Amino acid sequence: MSSPLLDVWEAASASPFHPPVSKDAQFAVGFVLLLFSLVLAGVFSLNRSFINLPLLGGPASVAFGFGAVYMICAVGVYV
């Protein structure tokens, strides 16, 4: 007797998961994103305005968030 969960398990074994960023490249991607966020945050801090908030502040915070997660995963601390 076959269960639907077993069928899904066997179908998934035929197509393994390949992440968009490999384990070897996570450190480089995390470092570049953190460096990019540091530059954007520095430029934003030099000339703060409501116009620069979505142009510089938003991308800086998003880059910092993704860069921190990639860097944490690259050094072996899994969240």
C-alpha atoms as a PDB file:
ATOM      1  CA  MET A   1       0.000   0.000   0.000  1.00  0.00           C
ATOM      2  CA  SER A   2       1.428   3.327  -1.059  1.00  0.00           C
ATOM      3  CA  SER A   3       0.948   6.532   0.887  1.00  0.00           C
ATOM      4  CA  PRO A   4       0.889   9.979  -0.744  1.00  0.00           C
ATOM      5  CA  LEU A   5       3.711  11.157   1.509  1.00  0.00           C
ATOM      6  CA  LEU A   6       5.924   8.261   0.413  1.00  0.00           C
ATOM      7  CA  ASP A   7       5.170   9.070  -3.231  1.00  0.00           C
ATOM      8  CA  VAL A   8       6.199  12.698  -2.689  1.00  0.00           C
ATOM      9  CA  TRP A   9       9.385  11.554  -0.905  1.00  0.00           C
ATOM     10  CA  GLU A  10      10.367   9.259  -3.765  1.00  0.00           C
ATOM     11  CA  ALA A  11       9.568  11.897  -6.394  1.00  0.00           C
ATOM     12  CA  ALA A  12      11.702  14.457  -4.547  1.00  0.00           C
ATOM     13  CA  SER A  13      14.705  12.145  -4.487  1.00  0.00           C
ATOM     14  CA  ALA A  14      14.855  12.279  -8.280  1.00  0.00           C
ATOM     15  CA  SER A  15      15.367  16.065  -8.308  1.00  0.00           C
ATOM     16  CA  PRO A  16      17.723  17.238  -5.540  1.00  0.00           C
ATOM     17  CA  PHE A  17      17.664  20.822  -4.277  1.00  0.00           C
ATOM     18  CA  HIS A  18      20.351  23.143  -5.650  1.00  0.00           C
ATOM     19  CA  PRO A  19      20.517  26.489  -3.820  1.00  0.00           C
ATOM     20  CA  PRO A  20      20.945  29.684  -5.850  1.00  0.00           C
ATOM     21  CA  VAL A  21      24.152  30.523  -3.926  1.00  0.00           C
ATOM     22  CA  SER A  22      26.453  27.570  -3.321  1.00  0.00           C
ATOM     23  CA  LYS A  23      28.043  26.896   0.048  1.00  0.00           C
ATOM     24  CA  ASP A  24      31.469  27.894  -1.284  1.00  0.00           C
ATOM     25  CA  ALA A  25      30.222  31.315  -2.466  1.00  0.00           C
ATOM     26  CA  GLN A  26      28.245  32.278   0.652  1.00  0.00           C
ATOM     27  CA  PHE A  27      31.178  34.013   2.335  1.00  0.00           C
ATOM     28  CA  ALA A  28      31.926  36.163  -0.721  1.00  0.00           C
ATOM     29  CA  VAL A  29      28.272  37.073  -1.251  1.00  0.00           C
ATOM     30  CA  GLY A  30      27.831  37.920   2.441  1.00  0.00           C
ATOM     31  CA  PHE A  31      30.989  40.022   2.513  1.00  0.00           C
ATOM     32  CA  VAL A  32      30.022  41.980  -0.620  1.00  0.00           C
ATOM     33  CA  LEU A  33      26.496  42.615   0.695  1.00  0.00           C
ATOM     34  CA  LEU A  34      27.805  43.791   4.074  1.00  0.00           C
ATOM     35  CA  LEU A  35      30.354  46.051   2.398  1.00  0.00           C
ATOM     36  CA  PHE A  36      27.667  47.442   0.081  1.00  0.00           C
ATOM     37  CA  SER A  37      25.379  48.128   3.039  1.00  0.00           C
ATOM     38  CA  LEU A  38      28.187  49.874   4.903  1.00  0.00           C
ATOM     39  CA  VAL A  39      28.848  52.175   1.934  1.00  0.00           C
ATOM     40  CA  LEU A  40      25.151  52.947   1.439  1.00  0.00           C
ATOM     41  CA  ALA A  41      24.633  53.597   5.153  1.00  0.00           C
ATOM     42  CA  GLY A  42      27.665  55.905   5.179  1.00  0.00           C
ATOM     43  CA  VAL A  43      26.403  57.915   2.231  1.00  0.00           C
ATOM     44  CA  PHE A  44      22.932  58.056   3.782  1.00  0.00           C
ATOM     45  CA  SER A  45      24.325  59.288   7.100  1.00  0.00           C
ATOM     46  CA  LEU A  46      26.208  62.115   5.380  1.00  0.00           C
ATOM     47  CA  ASN A  47      23.125  63.587   3.718  1.00  0.00           C
ATOM     48  CA  ARG A  48      19.929  62.468   5.434  1.00  0.00           C
ATOM     49  CA  SER A  49      16.614  63.471   3.907  1.00  0.00           C
ATOM     50  CA  PHE A  50      13.234  61.921   3.249  1.00  0.00           C
ATOM     51  CA  ILE A  51      14.156  61.537  -0.408  1.00  0.00           C
ATOM     52  CA  ASN A  52      17.300  59.540   0.413  1.00  0.00           C
ATOM     53  CA  LEU A  53      15.468  57.238   2.817  1.00  0.00           C
ATOM     54  CA  PRO A  54      13.983  54.934   0.150  1.00  0.00           C
ATOM     55  CA  LEU A  55      16.927  55.444  -2.209  1.00  0.00           C
ATOM     56  CA  LEU A  56      19.759  54.689   0.218  1.00  0.00           C
ATOM     57  CA  GLY A  57      18.388  53.658   3.615  1.00  0.00           C
ATOM     58  CA  GLY A  58      16.080  50.908   2.374  1.00  0.00           C
ATOM     59  CA  PRO A  59      18.596  49.115   0.153  1.00  0.00           C
ATOM     60  CA  ALA A  60      21.251  49.470   2.863  1.00  0.00           C
ATOM     61  CA  SER A  61      19.067  47.737   5.437  1.00  0.00           C
ATOM     62  CA  VAL A  62      18.027  44.978   3.016  1.00  0.00           C
ATOM     63  CA  ALA A  63      21.646  44.386   1.979  1.00  0.00           C
ATOM     64  CA  PHE A  64      22.692  44.261   5.625  1.00  0.00           C
ATOM     65  CA  GLY A  65      19.957  41.756   6.466  1.00  0.00           C
ATOM     66  CA  PHE A  66      20.785  39.372   3.637  1.00  0.00           C
ATOM     67  CA  GLY A  67      24.524  39.876   4.084  1.00  0.00           C
ATOM     68  CA  ALA A  68      24.306  39.054   7.784  1.00  0.00           C
ATOM     69  CA  VAL A  69      22.365  35.852   7.101  1.00  0.00           C
ATOM     70  CA  TYR A  70      24.789  34.758   4.368  1.00  0.00           C
ATOM     71  CA  MET A  71      27.779  35.526   6.578  1.00  0.00           C
ATOM     72  CA  ILE A  72      26.283  33.651   9.547  1.00  0.00           C
ATOM     73  CA  CYS A  73      25.628  30.622   7.338  1.00  0.00           C
ATOM     74  CA  ALA A  74      29.085  30.838   5.743  1.00  0.00           C
ATOM     75  CA  VAL A  75      30.918  30.621   9.061  1.00  0.00           C
ATOM     76  CA  GLY A  76      28.855  27.678  10.246  1.00  0.00           C
ATOM     77  CA  VAL A  77      26.313  29.186  12.636  1.00  0.00           C
ATOM     78  CA  TYR A  78      22.940  27.999  11.413  1.00  0.00           C
ATOM     79  CA  VAL A  79      19.920  30.081  12.321  1.00  0.00           C
END
